[in-house]
Amino acid sequence: MDSALFPSSQQNDVALDRFVAISVDDGSARDARTADLLHKYGLQATFYVPARNPERPVIAASEIREVAKQFEVGSHTLSHLPLNHMPDARASREIKEGKSWLEDILGERVISFCYPRGKFNRTTPSLVRDAGFLGARTTLMNLCDFPENPFLWGVSTQAFSHSTLIQLRHALLERNFAGIRNFFRDFHGATDWQEHFTHALDYVDKHGGVAHLILHSWEMEELGIWNKLESAFESISRRGLASVTNGDLYRLWGSAKAAPAAIAEPVVRNK
């Protein structure tokens, strides 16, 4: 892996084949609180922000620039609408215009993308690639390995406690069969999200890979679980894993493998 991504002081303390990543989705007004907690524990993260969201307000441009002073900001499309049932032309506009909007705010290239609500179809990853992103993150759960396709990055845990039934239902609909196996084998069927993510950290400590936590700041507020989130961040900070952004992972993927000429056949999400 490319040790140049990490300062020499961090290289002395971490194993560079063992990573922890945190994604904060939706551009909530509560993202500033999440950013403060991340800073407190010396953790990196990627904040995925759409230009607008029909479900809730999005942080202002000035707040996005404040977050970007410490963390990566990635694109979450223009309108935060699921892409899986859109015609390709419309989906492409959502992807490209969301990228342009965010680059205009930040004054720099945006390389990281996240599928709204985790929804995509067979052609969506190619649209994301063609828009100029280096990689894209899904919501395929119970995964800690580098993917074959950089536009289909999975995650380990969502900071929301899903029942076993929901875990299995989502994995089956997503054809995430590795996730089903891992849920029982590596995550020990845990349904409490903090326990679930602890198993991800344990797995990466032992085998290498990426323990990837995704969260919504608005959900932390609605559920009243900021203390639980802080406890999780504190636990991460004691692990000695390399804390990286999603963009760091996408660059690492590119340094570890020659970029394929064509995107591998992606998992189909039609739920």
Foldseek 3Di string as FASTA:
>chain_A
DDCVVDDPVLVVQADALFEEEEEAEAQDPLVVVVLVLCVVLVFEYEYEYELEEPVDGHDDLVVVLVSVVGYHYAYAFHYLDADAPDDPVVLLNRLLVSQVVNCVSNVDHHAEYEGRVQAHFQCNLVSNVVSPHLAYEGALECDFADDPFRPYHYAHFEQDFDALVVQVVQCVLQVVVVNVVSCCPQQVVDRNRLSSLVSSLVCCLVPGGYHYYYYYSVVCVVVVPPVVVSVSSNVVSPSRHHRDYSSVVSVVVCVVDPDDPDGDGHGGHDD
